[in-house]
Amino acid sequence: MNQAQAPTRRIAYSLREVMELTGRSRWTIQRWINRGLLKEIKIPRGQRMVQADSLEALMVGEARRKA
């Protein structure tokens, strides 16, 4: 009997993905990281990722400000 797997939740996004999701430049994303609006994760290969929770919180905050 096969068990249905629960959908996996992302824990991080690449800077490119954050740029695409927000429509902002790499420099803006880096400023948000420097200001503490986004939390950065550095993975072993040296790639930088943004924690999904911090991105979601930022996007919800942006949507509320626009409403």
N, C-alpha and C. Protein backbone atom coordinates (compact mmCIF):
# COMPACT_ATOMS: atom_id res chain seq x y z
N MET A 1 0.83 -1.18 0.00
CA MET A 1 0.00 0.00 0.00
C MET A 1 0.88 1.25 0.00
N ASN A 2 0.65 2.12 -0.93
CA ASN A 2 1.42 3.36 -1.03
C ASN A 2 0.83 4.44 -0.15
N GLN A 3 1.69 5.10 0.57
CA GLN A 3 1.22 6.22 1.39
C GLN A 3 1.44 7.50 0.61
N ALA A 4 0.45 8.37 0.65
CA ALA A 4 0.60 9.66 -0.01
C ALA A 4 1.58 10.50 0.78
N GLN A 5 2.50 11.12 0.07
CA GLN A 5 3.49 11.96 0.74
C GLN A 5 2.94 13.38 0.88
N ALA A 6 3.17 13.94 2.03
CA ALA A 6 2.77 15.33 2.25
C ALA A 6 3.66 16.22 1.39
N PRO A 7 3.10 17.31 0.88
CA PRO A 7 3.94 18.20 0.08
C PRO A 7 5.08 18.76 0.92
N THR A 8 6.25 18.84 0.31
CA THR A 8 7.40 19.37 1.03
C THR A 8 7.36 20.89 0.99
N ARG A 9 7.81 21.49 2.05
CA ARG A 9 7.83 22.95 2.16
C ARG A 9 9.25 23.42 1.93
N ARG A 10 9.38 24.44 1.12
CA ARG A 10 10.71 24.99 0.84
C ARG A 10 11.25 25.69 2.07
N ILE A 11 12.55 25.57 2.25
CA ILE A 11 13.16 26.28 3.38
C ILE A 11 13.98 27.48 2.91
N ALA A 12 14.32 27.51 1.61
CA ALA A 12 15.14 28.61 1.11
C ALA A 12 14.95 28.81 -0.38
N TYR A 13 15.28 30.01 -0.83
CA TYR A 13 15.23 30.38 -2.25
C TYR A 13 16.57 30.97 -2.65
N SER A 14 16.96 30.76 -3.89
CA SER A 14 18.18 31.39 -4.40
C SER A 14 17.91 32.88 -4.59
N LEU A 15 18.97 33.66 -4.68
CA LEU A 15 18.80 35.09 -4.91
C LEU A 15 18.08 35.34 -6.23
N ARG A 16 18.36 34.55 -7.24
CA ARG A 16 17.69 34.69 -8.53
C ARG A 16 16.19 34.44 -8.39
N GLU A 17 15.81 33.43 -7.62
CA GLU A 17 14.39 33.16 -7.41
C GLU A 17 13.71 34.30 -6.66
N VAL A 18 14.40 34.85 -5.67
CA VAL A 18 13.85 36.00 -4.93
C VAL A 18 13.67 37.19 -5.87
N MET A 19 14.64 37.41 -6.74
CA MET A 19 14.53 38.49 -7.71
C MET A 19 13.31 38.29 -8.60
N GLU A 20 13.10 37.07 -9.07
CA GLU A 20 11.96 36.78 -9.95
C GLU A 20 10.64 36.91 -9.21
N LEU A 21 10.58 36.44 -7.97
CA LEU A 21 9.34 36.48 -7.19
C LEU A 21 8.94 37.90 -6.79
N THR A 22 9.94 38.74 -6.54
CA THR A 22 9.64 40.09 -6.06
C THR A 22 9.70 41.14 -7.16
N GLY A 23 10.35 40.82 -8.28
CA GLY A 23 10.52 41.80 -9.34
C GLY A 23 11.54 42.86 -9.00
N ARG A 24 12.42 42.58 -8.06
CA ARG A 24 13.44 43.54 -7.62
C ARG A 24 14.82 43.10 -8.07
N SER A 25 15.77 44.02 -8.08
CA SER A 25 17.14 43.73 -8.51
C SER A 25 17.93 43.01 -7.42
N ARG A 26 19.05 42.45 -7.86
CA ARG A 26 19.97 41.77 -6.92
C ARG A 26 20.42 42.75 -5.83
N TRP A 27 20.63 44.00 -6.21
CA TRP A 27 21.11 45.00 -5.26
C TRP A 27 20.04 45.29 -4.20
N THR A 28 18.80 45.34 -4.60
CA THR A 28 17.71 45.55 -3.64
C THR A 28 17.62 44.37 -2.68
N ILE A 29 17.72 43.16 -3.21
CA ILE A 29 17.67 41.96 -2.37
C ILE A 29 18.81 42.01 -1.37
N GLN A 30 20.00 42.39 -1.83
CA GLN A 30 21.16 42.46 -0.92
C GLN A 30 20.94 43.53 0.15
N ARG A 31 20.34 44.66 -0.21
CA ARG A 31 20.03 45.70 0.79
C ARG A 31 19.06 45.16 1.84
N TRP A 32 18.04 44.42 1.39
CA TRP A 32 17.07 43.85 2.33
C TRP A 32 17.77 42.88 3.28
N ILE A 33 18.73 42.11 2.76
CA ILE A 33 19.50 41.19 3.62
C ILE A 33 20.32 42.01 4.62
N ASN A 34 21.01 43.03 4.15
CA ASN A 34 21.85 43.87 5.02
C ASN A 34 21.03 44.56 6.11
N ARG A 35 19.81 44.96 5.79
CA ARG A 35 18.93 45.63 6.76
C ARG A 35 18.22 44.65 7.70
N GLY A 36 18.37 43.35 7.42
CA GLY A 36 17.73 42.34 8.27
C GLY A 36 16.30 42.03 7.87
N LEU A 37 15.84 42.54 6.72
CA LEU A 37 14.49 42.24 6.27
C LEU A 37 14.38 40.82 5.72
N LEU A 38 15.49 40.31 5.20
CA LEU A 38 15.57 38.92 4.73
C LEU A 38 16.73 38.25 5.45
N LYS A 39 16.55 36.97 5.75
CA LYS A 39 17.62 36.21 6.41
C LYS A 39 18.32 35.35 5.37
N GLU A 40 19.64 35.44 5.38
CA GLU A 40 20.47 34.75 4.40
C GLU A 40 21.05 33.46 4.99
N ILE A 41 21.15 32.46 4.14
CA ILE A 41 21.79 31.19 4.49
C ILE A 41 22.92 31.00 3.49
N LYS A 42 24.10 30.67 3.97
CA LYS A 42 25.21 30.35 3.06
C LYS A 42 25.39 28.83 3.10
N ILE A 43 25.26 28.22 1.94
CA ILE A 43 25.39 26.77 1.87
C ILE A 43 26.83 26.42 1.52
N PRO A 44 27.25 25.18 1.77
CA PRO A 44 28.66 24.79 1.63
C PRO A 44 29.34 25.19 0.32
N ARG A 45 28.64 25.17 -0.79
CA ARG A 45 29.28 25.51 -2.06
C ARG A 45 29.52 27.00 -2.21
N GLY A 46 29.15 27.78 -1.20
CA GLY A 46 29.35 29.22 -1.25
C GLY A 46 28.15 29.97 -1.80
N GLN A 47 27.13 29.23 -2.22
CA GLN A 47 25.93 29.89 -2.74
C GLN A 47 25.14 30.48 -1.58
N ARG A 48 24.54 31.64 -1.84
CA ARG A 48 23.73 32.30 -0.82
C ARG A 48 22.26 32.04 -1.11
N MET A 49 21.51 31.74 -0.07
CA MET A 49 20.09 31.47 -0.19
C MET A 49 19.36 32.38 0.80
N VAL A 50 18.08 32.61 0.54
CA VAL A 50 17.24 33.41 1.43
C VAL A 50 16.24 32.48 2.10
N GLN A 51 16.14 32.58 3.42
CA GLN A 51 15.20 31.73 4.16
C GLN A 51 13.79 32.02 3.67
N ALA A 52 13.04 30.95 3.39
CA ALA A 52 11.68 31.08 2.87
C ALA A 52 10.78 31.84 3.84
N ASP A 53 10.91 31.58 5.14
CA ASP A 53 10.06 32.26 6.12
C ASP A 53 10.23 33.77 6.07
N SER A 54 11.48 34.23 5.93
CA SER A 54 11.72 35.67 5.91
C SER A 54 11.18 36.29 4.62
N LEU A 55 11.28 35.57 3.50
CA LEU A 55 10.75 36.08 2.24
C LEU A 55 9.23 36.17 2.31
N GLU A 56 8.60 35.13 2.84
CA GLU A 56 7.14 35.13 2.96
C GLU A 56 6.67 36.27 3.86
N ALA A 57 7.36 36.50 4.96
CA ALA A 57 6.99 37.59 5.87
C ALA A 57 7.13 38.95 5.18
N LEU A 58 8.20 39.13 4.41
CA LEU A 58 8.40 40.38 3.69
C LEU A 58 7.30 40.60 2.66
N MET A 59 6.95 39.54 1.93
CA MET A 59 5.93 39.67 0.89
C MET A 59 4.54 39.92 1.48
N VAL A 60 4.24 39.31 2.61
CA VAL A 60 2.97 39.57 3.28
C VAL A 60 2.92 41.02 3.77
N GLY A 61 4.02 41.50 4.32
CA GLY A 61 4.11 42.88 4.77
C GLY A 61 3.93 43.86 3.63
N GLU A 62 4.53 43.57 2.47
CA GLU A 62 4.39 44.43 1.30
C GLU A 62 2.94 44.46 0.82
N ALA A 63 2.28 43.30 0.83
CA ALA A 63 0.89 43.22 0.38
C ALA A 63 -0.03 44.01 1.32
N ARG A 64 0.25 43.94 2.61
CA ARG A 64 -0.57 44.67 3.58
C ARG A 64 -0.40 46.17 3.42
N ARG A 65 0.83 46.61 3.14
CA ARG A 65 1.07 48.05 2.96
C ARG A 65 0.37 48.59 1.73
N LYS A 66 0.25 47.75 0.69
CA LYS A 66 -0.39 48.19 -0.55
C LYS A 66 -1.91 48.18 -0.44
N ALA A 67 -2.45 47.40 0.50
CA ALA A 67 -3.92 47.28 0.64
C ALA A 67 -4.52 48.47 1.37
